[in-house]
């Protein structure tokens, strides 16, 4: 790089490595959370999967039920 001045090539190589490591970290985090029951996979697919934080969402819903109340303007 010092001799050729190929900054673009070096930067492309470096950022490719950063992207690879970031993708691996995201995948590992998902797998750990799924194994711990924090995340629940909803599609049943091997690729392009979707996950939800079902327990977290359930906790957020507590006390927000409308119990048949009328919504104004409807």
C-alpha atoms as a PDB file:
ATOM      1  CA  UNK A   1       0.000   0.000   0.000  1.00  0.00           C
ATOM      2  CA  UNK A   2       2.836   2.435   0.755  1.00  0.00           C
ATOM      3  CA  UNK A   3       4.485   1.861  -2.590  1.00  0.00           C
ATOM      4  CA  UNK A   4       1.405   1.565  -4.784  1.00  0.00           C
ATOM      5  CA  UNK A   5      -0.863   3.896  -2.866  1.00  0.00           C
ATOM      6  CA  UNK A   6      -3.755   1.466  -3.281  1.00  0.00           C
ATOM      7  CA  UNK A   7      -5.893   2.981  -0.547  1.00  0.00           C
ATOM      8  CA  UNK A   8      -9.134   1.944  -2.236  1.00  0.00           C
ATOM      9  CA  UNK A   9      -8.072  -1.699  -2.416  1.00  0.00           C
ATOM     10  CA  UNK A  10      -6.926  -1.744   1.192  1.00  0.00           C
ATOM     11  CA  UNK A  11     -10.089  -0.005   2.365  1.00  0.00           C
ATOM     12  CA  UNK A  12     -12.255  -2.461   0.403  1.00  0.00           C
ATOM     13  CA  UNK A  13     -10.372  -5.384   1.998  1.00  0.00           C
ATOM     14  CA  UNK A  14     -10.654  -3.889   5.483  1.00  0.00           C
ATOM     15  CA  UNK A  15     -14.365  -3.053   5.232  1.00  0.00           C
ATOM     16  CA  UNK A  16     -15.123  -6.496   3.806  1.00  0.00           C
ATOM     17  CA  UNK A  17     -13.545  -7.980   6.940  1.00  0.00           C
ATOM     18  CA  UNK A  18     -15.549  -5.671   9.196  1.00  0.00           C
ATOM     19  CA  UNK A  19     -18.798  -6.616   7.417  1.00  0.00           C
ATOM     20  CA  UNK A  20     -18.002 -10.336   7.696  1.00  0.00           C
ATOM     21  CA  UNK A  21     -17.305 -10.126  11.426  1.00  0.00           C
ATOM     22  CA  UNK A  22     -20.431  -8.013  11.985  1.00  0.00           C
ATOM     23  CA  UNK A  23     -22.597 -10.561  10.151  1.00  0.00           C
ATOM     24  CA  UNK A  24     -21.127 -13.376  12.232  1.00  0.00           C
ATOM     25  CA  UNK A  25     -21.761 -11.442  15.456  1.00  0.00           C
ATOM     26  CA  UNK A  26     -25.399 -10.823  14.520  1.00  0.00           C
ATOM     27  CA  UNK A  27     -25.918 -14.496  13.649  1.00  0.00           C
ATOM     28  CA  UNK A  28     -24.300 -15.609  16.920  1.00  0.00           C
ATOM     29  CA  UNK A  29     -26.433 -13.186  18.924  1.00  0.00           C
ATOM     30  CA  UNK A  30     -29.612 -14.450  17.299  1.00  0.00           C
ATOM     31  CA  UNK A  31     -28.691 -18.073  17.911  1.00  0.00           C
ATOM     32  CA  UNK A  32     -27.863 -17.402  21.573  1.00  0.00           C
ATOM     33  CA  UNK A  33     -31.122 -15.552  22.148  1.00  0.00           C
ATOM     34  CA  UNK A  34     -33.114 -18.233  20.366  1.00  0.00           C
ATOM     35  CA  UNK A  35     -31.432 -20.953  22.449  1.00  0.00           C
ATOM     36  CA  UNK A  36     -32.243 -19.011  25.629  1.00  0.00           C
ATOM     37  CA  UNK A  37     -35.876 -18.629  24.574  1.00  0.00           C
ATOM     38  CA  UNK A  38     -35.650 -14.864  24.257  1.00  0.00           C
ATOM     39  CA  UNK A  39     -36.215 -14.915  20.490  1.00  0.00           C
ATOM     40  CA  UNK A  40     -38.786 -17.071  18.742  1.00  0.00           C
ATOM     41  CA  UNK A  41     -38.384 -17.835  15.033  1.00  0.00           C
ATOM     42  CA  UNK A  42     -41.706 -17.356  13.227  1.00  0.00           C
ATOM     43  CA  UNK A  43     -41.180 -18.474   9.606  1.00  0.00           C
ATOM     44  CA  UNK A  44     -39.910 -22.054   9.928  1.00  0.00           C
ATOM     45  CA  UNK A  45     -37.398 -21.357   7.157  1.00  0.00           C
ATOM     46  CA  UNK A  46     -33.647 -21.970   6.995  1.00  0.00           C
ATOM     47  CA  UNK A  47     -33.029 -18.645   5.216  1.00  0.00           C
ATOM     48  CA  UNK A  48     -34.678 -15.230   5.454  1.00  0.00           C
ATOM     49  CA  UNK A  49     -35.994 -16.025   8.899  1.00  0.00           C
ATOM     50  CA  UNK A  50     -37.917 -13.654  11.150  1.00  0.00           C
ATOM     51  CA  UNK A  51     -37.665 -13.559  14.918  1.00  0.00           C
ATOM     52  CA  UNK A  52     -39.866 -11.985  17.569  1.00  0.00           C
ATOM     53  CA  UNK A  53     -39.255 -11.093  21.196  1.00  0.00           C
ATOM     54  CA  UNK A  54     -42.482 -12.782  22.231  1.00  0.00           C
ATOM     55  CA  UNK A  55     -41.864 -12.695  26.001  1.00  0.00           C
ATOM     56  CA  UNK A  56     -40.840  -9.058  25.881  1.00  0.00           C
ATOM     57  CA  UNK A  57     -43.858  -8.100  23.781  1.00  0.00           C
ATOM     58  CA  UNK A  58     -46.146 -10.028  26.110  1.00  0.00           C
ATOM     59  CA  UNK A  59     -44.804  -8.047  29.062  1.00  0.00           C
ATOM     60  CA  UNK A  60     -45.368  -4.775  27.217  1.00  0.00           C
ATOM     61  CA  UNK A  61     -48.974  -5.723  26.482  1.00  0.00           C
ATOM     62  CA  UNK A  62     -49.870  -6.223  30.159  1.00  0.00           C
ATOM     63  CA  UNK A  63     -52.343  -3.559  31.203  1.00  0.00           C
ATOM     64  CA  UNK A  64     -52.972  -2.313  27.669  1.00  0.00           C
ATOM     65  CA  UNK A  65     -56.007  -4.465  26.885  1.00  0.00           C
ATOM     66  CA  UNK A  66     -59.047  -2.470  25.784  1.00  0.00           C
ATOM     67  CA  UNK A  67     -61.559  -4.873  27.404  1.00  0.00           C
ATOM     68  CA  UNK A  68     -64.250  -4.060  24.832  1.00  0.00           C
ATOM     69  CA  UNK A  69     -63.972  -0.298  25.337  1.00  0.00           C
ATOM     70  CA  UNK A  70     -65.082   1.892  22.427  1.00  0.00           C
ATOM     71  CA  UNK A  71     -62.362   3.682  20.487  1.00  0.00           C
ATOM     72  CA  UNK A  72     -63.267   7.358  19.977  1.00  0.00           C
ATOM     73  CA  UNK A  73     -64.040   8.270  16.370  1.00  0.00           C
ATOM     74  CA  UNK A  74     -65.108   4.779  15.257  1.00  0.00           C
END
